[in-house]
């Protein structure tokens, strides 16, 4: 469980976010890495939920579905707020 969770954190932090900043600058749509309070709180709660699910060291399809639903809810909330 540690390897997939670690990879899920490292890949966006080291690759996707800087890439989006560079692409945004090229397209004339600047993006900075300053997040709103809502986004920080949502990511904090998402991290807490992932930690609680991963504590037992096992996973099943339902826990994966819960995490996908959480991801979709955070995406929708960020889109509309």
PDB file of N, CA and C in Angstrom:
ATOM      1  N   UNK A   1       0.824  -1.198   0.000  1.00  0.00           N
ATOM      2  CA  UNK A   1       0.000   0.000   0.000  1.00  0.00           C
ATOM      3  C   UNK A   1       0.864   1.256   0.000  1.00  0.00           C
ATOM      4  N   UNK A   2       2.049   1.169   0.582  1.00  0.00           N
ATOM      5  CA  UNK A   2       2.901   2.348   0.677  1.00  0.00           C
ATOM      6  C   UNK A   2       3.423   2.821  -0.662  1.00  0.00           C
ATOM      7  N   UNK A   3       3.760   1.886  -1.525  1.00  0.00           N
ATOM      8  CA  UNK A   3       4.328   2.258  -2.825  1.00  0.00           C
ATOM      9  C   UNK A   3       3.296   2.972  -3.706  1.00  0.00           C
ATOM     10  N   UNK A   4       2.074   2.432  -3.883  1.00  0.00           N
ATOM     11  CA  UNK A   4       1.102   3.158  -4.708  1.00  0.00           C
ATOM     12  C   UNK A   4       0.711   4.511  -4.115  1.00  0.00           C
ATOM     13  N   UNK A   5       0.575   4.580  -2.795  1.00  0.00           N
ATOM     14  CA  UNK A   5       0.206   5.860  -2.177  1.00  0.00           C
ATOM     15  C   UNK A   5       1.329   6.875  -2.351  1.00  0.00           C
ATOM     16  N   UNK A   6       2.575   6.420  -2.187  1.00  0.00           N
ATOM     17  CA  UNK A   6       3.706   7.325  -2.379  1.00  0.00           C
ATOM     18  C   UNK A   6       3.822   7.793  -3.820  1.00  0.00           C
ATOM     19  N   UNK A   7       3.603   6.884  -4.758  1.00  0.00           N
ATOM     20  CA  UNK A   7       3.661   7.255  -6.171  1.00  0.00           C
ATOM     21  C   UNK A   7       2.544   8.229  -6.530  1.00  0.00           C
ATOM     22  N   UNK A   8       1.385   8.052  -5.926  1.00  0.00           N
ATOM     23  CA  UNK A   8       0.269   8.963  -6.195  1.00  0.00           C
ATOM     24  C   UNK A   8       0.558  10.366  -5.689  1.00  0.00           C
ATOM     25  N   UNK A   9       1.425  10.499  -4.725  1.00  0.00           N
ATOM     26  CA  UNK A   9       1.804  11.821  -4.229  1.00  0.00           C
ATOM     27  C   UNK A   9       2.970  12.419  -5.003  1.00  0.00           C
ATOM     28  N   UNK A  10       3.936  11.599  -5.350  1.00  0.00           N
ATOM     29  CA  UNK A  10       5.160  12.101  -5.964  1.00  0.00           C
ATOM     30  C   UNK A  10       4.947  12.504  -7.419  1.00  0.00           C
ATOM     31  N   UNK A  11       4.208  11.712  -8.175  1.00  0.00           N
ATOM     32  CA  UNK A  11       4.036  12.002  -9.601  1.00  0.00           C
ATOM     33  C   UNK A  11       3.377  13.360  -9.834  1.00  0.00           C
ATOM     34  N   UNK A  12       2.241  13.679  -9.184  1.00  0.00           N
ATOM     35  CA  UNK A  12       1.670  15.012  -9.413  1.00  0.00           C
ATOM     36  C   UNK A  12       2.562  16.131  -8.881  1.00  0.00           C
ATOM     37  N   UNK A  13       3.207  15.916  -7.750  1.00  0.00           N
ATOM     38  CA  UNK A  13       4.000  16.979  -7.146  1.00  0.00           C
ATOM     39  C   UNK A  13       5.236  17.311  -7.967  1.00  0.00           C
ATOM     40  N   UNK A  14       5.883  16.314  -8.522  1.00  0.00           N
ATOM     41  CA  UNK A  14       7.145  16.547  -9.217  1.00  0.00           C
ATOM     42  C   UNK A  14       7.019  16.650 -10.730  1.00  0.00           C
ATOM     43  N   UNK A  15       5.926  16.192 -11.294  1.00  0.00           N
ATOM     44  CA  UNK A  15       5.822  16.198 -12.751  1.00  0.00           C
ATOM     45  C   UNK A  15       4.613  16.982 -13.261  1.00  0.00           C
ATOM     46  N   UNK A  16       3.436  16.645 -12.811  1.00  0.00           N
ATOM     47  CA  UNK A  16       2.221  17.210 -13.399  1.00  0.00           C
ATOM     48  C   UNK A  16       2.073  18.697 -13.083  1.00  0.00           C
ATOM     49  N   UNK A  17       2.245  19.088 -11.831  1.00  0.00           N
ATOM     50  CA  UNK A  17       2.054  20.494 -11.473  1.00  0.00           C
ATOM     51  C   UNK A  17       3.040  21.414 -12.191  1.00  0.00           C
ATOM     52  N   UNK A  18       4.351  21.133 -12.189  1.00  0.00           N
ATOM     53  CA  UNK A  18       5.256  22.007 -12.956  1.00  0.00           C
ATOM     54  C   UNK A  18       4.980  21.998 -14.460  1.00  0.00           C
ATOM     55  N   UNK A  19       4.564  20.840 -14.985  1.00  0.00           N
ATOM     56  CA  UNK A  19       4.234  20.762 -16.407  1.00  0.00           C
ATOM     57  C   UNK A  19       3.044  21.660 -16.739  1.00  0.00           C
ATOM     58  N   UNK A  20       2.023  21.654 -15.884  1.00  0.00           N
ATOM     59  CA  UNK A  20       0.858  22.507 -16.116  1.00  0.00           C
ATOM     60  C   UNK A  20       1.213  23.989 -16.036  1.00  0.00           C
ATOM     61  N   UNK A  21       2.117  24.354 -15.150  1.00  0.00           N
ATOM     62  CA  UNK A  21       2.563  25.745 -15.065  1.00  0.00           C
ATOM     63  C   UNK A  21       3.271  26.143 -16.357  1.00  0.00           C
ATOM     64  N   UNK A  22       4.154  25.281 -16.871  1.00  0.00           N
ATOM     65  CA  UNK A  22       4.883  25.591 -18.100  1.00  0.00           C
ATOM     66  C   UNK A  22       3.951  25.651 -19.304  1.00  0.00           C
ATOM     67  N   UNK A  23       3.025  24.696 -19.420  1.00  0.00           N
ATOM     68  CA  UNK A  23       2.080  24.690 -20.541  1.00  0.00           C
ATOM     69  C   UNK A  23       1.166  25.911 -20.470  1.00  0.00           C
ATOM     70  N   UNK A  24       0.736  26.260 -19.273  1.00  0.00           N
ATOM     71  CA  UNK A  24      -0.098  27.441 -19.116  1.00  0.00           C
ATOM     72  C   UNK A  24       0.620  28.707 -19.547  1.00  0.00           C
ATOM     73  N   UNK A  25       1.910  28.817 -19.237  1.00  0.00           N
ATOM     74  CA  UNK A  25       2.682  29.984 -19.655  1.00  0.00           C
ATOM     75  C   UNK A  25       2.815  30.032 -21.179  1.00  0.00           C
ATOM     76  N   UNK A  26       3.000  28.873 -21.803  1.00  0.00           N
ATOM     77  CA  UNK A  26       3.116  28.827 -23.265  1.00  0.00           C
ATOM     78  C   UNK A  26       1.806  29.192 -23.956  1.00  0.00           C
ATOM     79  N   UNK A  27       0.680  28.814 -23.344  1.00  0.00           N
ATOM     80  CA  UNK A  27      -0.623  29.083 -23.942  1.00  0.00           C
ATOM     81  C   UNK A  27      -1.184  30.451 -23.564  1.00  0.00           C
ATOM     82  N   UNK A  28      -0.471  31.202 -22.750  1.00  0.00           N
ATOM     83  CA  UNK A  28      -0.945  32.517 -22.342  1.00  0.00           C
ATOM     84  C   UNK A  28      -1.986  32.466 -21.242  1.00  0.00           C
ATOM     85  N   UNK A  29      -2.123  31.363 -20.596  1.00  0.00           N
ATOM     86  CA  UNK A  29      -3.072  31.188 -19.484  1.00  0.00           C
ATOM     87  C   UNK A  29      -2.245  30.873 -18.241  1.00  0.00           C
ATOM     88  N   UNK A  30      -1.748  31.899 -17.557  1.00  0.00           N
ATOM     89  CA  UNK A  30      -0.832  31.632 -16.443  1.00  0.00           C
ATOM     90  C   UNK A  30      -1.513  30.886 -15.302  1.00  0.00           C
ATOM     91  N   UNK A  31      -0.761  29.992 -14.718  1.00  0.00           N
ATOM     92  CA  UNK A  31      -1.232  29.237 -13.562  1.00  0.00           C
ATOM     93  C   UNK A  31      -0.137  29.294 -12.513  1.00  0.00           C
ATOM     94  N   UNK A  32      -0.505  29.667 -11.321  1.00  0.00           N
ATOM     95  CA  UNK A  32       0.496  29.636 -10.261  1.00  0.00           C
ATOM     96  C   UNK A  32       0.175  28.492  -9.306  1.00  0.00           C
ATOM     97  N   UNK A  33       1.025  28.277  -8.354  1.00  0.00           N
ATOM     98  CA  UNK A  33       0.837  27.184  -7.406  1.00  0.00           C
ATOM     99  C   UNK A  33       0.306  27.692  -6.074  1.00  0.00           C
ATOM    100  N   UNK A  34      -0.455  28.782  -6.113  1.00  0.00           N
ATOM    101  CA  UNK A  34      -1.091  29.317  -4.913  1.00  0.00           C
ATOM    102  C   UNK A  34      -2.509  28.753  -4.863  1.00  0.00           C
ATOM    103  N   UNK A  35      -2.821  27.990  -3.827  1.00  0.00           N
ATOM    104  CA  UNK A  35      -4.108  27.331  -3.714  1.00  0.00           C
ATOM    105  C   UNK A  35      -5.014  28.089  -2.765  1.00  0.00           C
ATOM    106  N   UNK A  36      -6.307  28.013  -3.004  1.00  0.00           N
ATOM    107  CA  UNK A  36      -7.278  28.647  -2.118  1.00  0.00           C
ATOM    108  C   UNK A  36      -7.416  27.834  -0.836  1.00  0.00           C
ATOM    109  N   UNK A  37      -8.038  28.436   0.155  1.00  0.00           N
ATOM    110  CA  UNK A  37      -8.253  27.737   1.416  1.00  0.00           C
ATOM    111  C   UNK A  37      -9.085  26.483   1.247  1.00  0.00           C
ATOM    112  N   UNK A  38     -10.108  26.565   0.401  1.00  0.00           N
ATOM    113  CA  UNK A  38     -10.951  25.393   0.157  1.00  0.00           C
ATOM    114  C   UNK A  38     -10.152  24.238  -0.424  1.00  0.00           C
ATOM    115  N   UNK A  39      -9.282  24.531  -1.384  1.00  0.00           N
ATOM    116  CA  UNK A  39      -8.485  23.476  -2.010  1.00  0.00           C
ATOM    117  C   UNK A  39      -7.523  22.830  -1.015  1.00  0.00           C
ATOM    118  N   UNK A  40      -6.924  23.623  -0.158  1.00  0.00           N
ATOM    119  CA  UNK A  40      -6.008  23.078   0.847  1.00  0.00           C
ATOM    120  C   UNK A  40      -6.755  22.190   1.833  1.00  0.00           C
ATOM    121  N   UNK A  41      -7.922  22.638   2.284  1.00  0.00           N
ATOM    122  CA  UNK A  41      -8.726  21.840   3.224  1.00  0.00           C
ATOM    123  C   UNK A  41      -9.203  20.546   2.555  1.00  0.00           C
ATOM    124  N   UNK A  42      -9.647  20.624   1.299  1.00  0.00           N
ATOM    125  CA  UNK A  42     -10.108  19.429   0.585  1.00  0.00           C
ATOM    126  C   UNK A  42      -8.976  18.422   0.427  1.00  0.00           C
ATOM    127  N   UNK A  43      -7.784  18.874   0.087  1.00  0.00           N
ATOM    128  CA  UNK A  43      -6.651  17.958  -0.045  1.00  0.00           C
ATOM    129  C   UNK A  43      -6.243  17.380   1.307  1.00  0.00           C
ATOM    130  N   UNK A  44      -6.370  18.168   2.359  1.00  0.00           N
ATOM    131  CA  UNK A  44      -6.073  17.656   3.699  1.00  0.00           C
ATOM    132  C   UNK A  44      -7.023  16.551   4.110  1.00  0.00           C
ATOM    133  N   UNK A  45      -8.326  16.774   3.880  1.00  0.00           N
ATOM    134  CA  UNK A  45      -9.307  15.734   4.202  1.00  0.00           C
ATOM    135  C   UNK A  45      -9.120  14.498   3.324  1.00  0.00           C
ATOM    136  N   UNK A  46      -8.794  14.697   2.054  1.00  0.00           N
ATOM    137  CA  UNK A  46      -8.547  13.553   1.167  1.00  0.00           C
ATOM    138  C   UNK A  46      -7.340  12.751   1.655  1.00  0.00           C
ATOM    139  N   UNK A  47      -6.299  13.428   2.094  1.00  0.00           N
ATOM    140  CA  UNK A  47      -5.127  12.730   2.634  1.00  0.00           C
ATOM    141  C   UNK A  47      -5.475  11.965   3.895  1.00  0.00           C
ATOM    142  N   UNK A  48      -6.304  12.546   4.728  1.00  0.00           N
ATOM    143  CA  UNK A  48      -6.737  11.875   5.950  1.00  0.00           C
ATOM    144  C   UNK A  48      -7.532  10.611   5.629  1.00  0.00           C
ATOM    145  N   UNK A  49      -8.427  10.693   4.662  1.00  0.00           N
ATOM    146  CA  UNK A  49      -9.238   9.531   4.288  1.00  0.00           C
ATOM    147  C   UNK A  49      -8.362   8.429   3.689  1.00  0.00           C
ATOM    148  N   UNK A  50      -7.403   8.791   2.847  1.00  0.00           N
ATOM    149  CA  UNK A  50      -6.491   7.793   2.277  1.00  0.00           C
ATOM    150  C   UNK A  50      -5.688   7.124   3.388  1.00  0.00           C
ATOM    151  N   UNK A  51      -5.254   7.896   4.367  1.00  0.00           N
ATOM    152  CA  UNK A  51      -4.495   7.325   5.481  1.00  0.00           C
ATOM    153  C   UNK A  51      -5.342   6.343   6.275  1.00  0.00           C
ATOM    154  N   UNK A  52      -6.583   6.701   6.561  1.00  0.00           N
ATOM    155  CA  UNK A  52      -7.467   5.810   7.328  1.00  0.00           C
ATOM    156  C   UNK A  52      -7.724   4.517   6.556  1.00  0.00           C
ATOM    157  N   UNK A  53      -7.928   4.622   5.254  1.00  0.00           N
ATOM    158  CA  UNK A  53      -8.182   3.429   4.450  1.00  0.00           C
ATOM    159  C   UNK A  53      -6.937   2.551   4.363  1.00  0.00           C
ATOM    160  N   UNK A  54      -5.761   3.157   4.313  1.00  0.00           N
ATOM    161  CA  UNK A  54      -4.531   2.388   4.130  1.00  0.00           C
ATOM    162  C   UNK A  54      -3.937   1.860   5.429  1.00  0.00           C
ATOM    163  N   UNK A  55      -4.494   2.208   6.574  1.00  0.00           N
ATOM    164  CA  UNK A  55      -3.914   1.796   7.853  1.00  0.00           C
ATOM    165  C   UNK A  55      -3.857   0.285   8.040  1.00  0.00           C
ATOM    166  N   UNK A  56      -4.837  -0.442   7.539  1.00  0.00           N
ATOM    167  CA  UNK A  56      -4.838  -1.891   7.752  1.00  0.00           C
ATOM    168  C   UNK A  56      -3.887  -2.633   6.808  1.00  0.00           C
ATOM    169  N   UNK A  57      -3.341  -1.952   5.807  1.00  0.00           N
ATOM    170  CA  UNK A  57      -2.390  -2.581   4.906  1.00  0.00           C
ATOM    171  C   UNK A  57      -3.015  -3.433   3.826  1.00  0.00           C
ATOM    172  N   UNK A  58      -4.320  -3.497   3.777  1.00  0.00           N
ATOM    173  CA  UNK A  58      -5.025  -4.265   2.753  1.00  0.00           C
ATOM    174  C   UNK A  58      -6.015  -3.347   2.049  1.00  0.00           C
ATOM    175  N   UNK A  59      -6.458  -3.800   0.898  1.00  0.00           N
ATOM    176  CA  UNK A  59      -7.434  -3.023   0.154  1.00  0.00           C
ATOM    177  C   UNK A  59      -8.376  -3.975  -0.559  1.00  0.00           C
ATOM    178  N   UNK A  60      -9.560  -3.494  -0.866  1.00  0.00           N
ATOM    179  CA  UNK A  60     -10.505  -4.272  -1.651  1.00  0.00           C
ATOM    180  C   UNK A  60     -11.185  -3.340  -2.644  1.00  0.00           C
ATOM    181  N   UNK A  61     -12.057  -3.883  -3.437  1.00  0.00           N
ATOM    182  CA  UNK A  61     -12.675  -3.085  -4.497  1.00  0.00           C
ATOM    183  C   UNK A  61     -13.525  -1.961  -3.941  1.00  0.00           C
ATOM    184  N   UNK A  62     -14.151  -2.169  -2.786  1.00  0.00           N
ATOM    185  CA  UNK A  62     -15.031  -1.143  -2.240  1.00  0.00           C
ATOM    186  C   UNK A  62     -14.227   0.062  -1.749  1.00  0.00           C
ATOM    187  N   UNK A  63     -13.079  -0.186  -1.130  1.00  0.00           N
ATOM    188  CA  UNK A  63     -12.238   0.930  -0.704  1.00  0.00           C
ATOM    189  C   UNK A  63     -11.720   1.708  -1.914  1.00  0.00           C
ATOM    190  N   UNK A  64     -11.389   1.000  -2.983  1.00  0.00           N
ATOM    191  CA  UNK A  64     -10.983   1.679  -4.210  1.00  0.00           C
ATOM    192  C   UNK A  64     -12.100   2.517  -4.794  1.00  0.00           C
ATOM    193  N   UNK A  65     -13.327   1.991  -4.746  1.00  0.00           N
ATOM    194  CA  UNK A  65     -14.478   2.753  -5.232  1.00  0.00           C
ATOM    195  C   UNK A  65     -14.710   3.994  -4.372  1.00  0.00           C
ATOM    196  N   UNK A  66     -14.498   3.860  -3.071  1.00  0.00           N
ATOM    197  CA  UNK A  66     -14.628   5.024  -2.183  1.00  0.00           C
ATOM    198  C   UNK A  66     -13.615   6.105  -2.548  1.00  0.00           C
ATOM    199  N   UNK A  67     -12.378   5.692  -2.820  1.00  0.00           N
ATOM    200  CA  UNK A  67     -11.357   6.673  -3.175  1.00  0.00           C
ATOM    201  C   UNK A  67     -11.639   7.329  -4.526  1.00  0.00           C
ATOM    202  N   UNK A  68     -12.163   6.558  -5.479  1.00  0.00           N
ATOM    203  CA  UNK A  68     -12.543   7.157  -6.764  1.00  0.00           C
ATOM    204  C   UNK A  68     -13.695   8.139  -6.602  1.00  0.00           C
ATOM    205  N   UNK A  69     -14.657   7.801  -5.752  1.00  0.00           N
ATOM    206  CA  UNK A  69     -15.771   8.715  -5.483  1.00  0.00           C
ATOM    207  C   UNK A  69     -15.271   9.983  -4.802  1.00  0.00           C
ATOM    208  N   UNK A  70     -14.336   9.845  -3.884  1.00  0.00           N
ATOM    209  CA  UNK A  70     -13.754  11.010  -3.218  1.00  0.00           C
ATOM    210  C   UNK A  70     -13.064  11.912  -4.231  1.00  0.00           C
ATOM    211  N   UNK A  71     -12.312  11.316  -5.138  1.00  0.00           N
ATOM    212  CA  UNK A  71     -11.628  12.083  -6.173  1.00  0.00           C
ATOM    213  C   UNK A  71     -12.628  12.831  -7.047  1.00  0.00           C
ATOM    214  N   UNK A  72     -13.707  12.176  -7.423  1.00  0.00           N
ATOM    215  CA  UNK A  72     -14.737  12.810  -8.254  1.00  0.00           C
ATOM    216  C   UNK A  72     -15.426  13.947  -7.498  1.00  0.00           C
ATOM    217  N   UNK A  73     -15.709  13.744  -6.217  1.00  0.00           N
ATOM    218  CA  UNK A  73     -16.352  14.798  -5.428  1.00  0.00           C
ATOM    219  C   UNK A  73     -15.458  16.020  -5.277  1.00  0.00           C
ATOM    220  N   UNK A  74     -14.180  15.794  -5.022  1.00  0.00           N
ATOM    221  CA  UNK A  74     -13.256  16.929  -4.892  1.00  0.00           C
ATOM    222  C   UNK A  74     -13.140  17.667  -6.216  1.00  0.00           C
ATOM    223  N   UNK A  75     -13.066  16.932  -7.328  1.00  0.00           N
ATOM    224  CA  UNK A  75     -12.985  17.560  -8.646  1.00  0.00           C
ATOM    225  C   UNK A  75     -14.225  18.390  -8.939  1.00  0.00           C
ATOM    226  N   UNK A  76     -15.398  17.852  -8.644  1.00  0.00           N
ATOM    227  CA  UNK A  76     -16.638  18.614  -8.869  1.00  0.00           C
ATOM    228  C   UNK A  76     -16.715  19.843  -7.974  1.00  0.00           C
ATOM    229  N   UNK A  77     -16.309  19.691  -6.730  1.00  0.00           N
ATOM    230  CA  UNK A  77     -16.349  20.830  -5.816  1.00  0.00           C
ATOM    231  C   UNK A  77     -15.404  21.949  -6.258  1.00  0.00           C
ATOM    232  N   UNK A  78     -14.212  21.568  -6.685  1.00  0.00           N
ATOM    233  CA  UNK A  78     -13.261  22.580  -7.151  1.00  0.00           C
ATOM    234  C   UNK A  78     -13.754  23.237  -8.440  1.00  0.00           C
ATOM    235  N   UNK A  79     -14.408  22.456  -9.295  1.00  0.00           N
ATOM    236  CA  UNK A  79     -14.923  23.001 -10.549  1.00  0.00           C
ATOM    237  C   UNK A  79     -16.018  24.039 -10.307  1.00  0.00           C
ATOM    238  N   UNK A  80     -16.918  23.770  -9.369  1.00  0.00           N
ATOM    239  CA  UNK A  80     -18.062  24.656  -9.157  1.00  0.00           C
ATOM    240  C   UNK A  80     -17.835  25.732  -8.115  1.00  0.00           C
ATOM    241  N   UNK A  81     -16.798  25.616  -7.305  1.00  0.00           N
ATOM    242  CA  UNK A  81     -16.576  26.638  -6.264  1.00  0.00           C
ATOM    243  C   UNK A  81     -15.487  27.595  -6.690  1.00  0.00           C
TER     244      UNK A  81
END
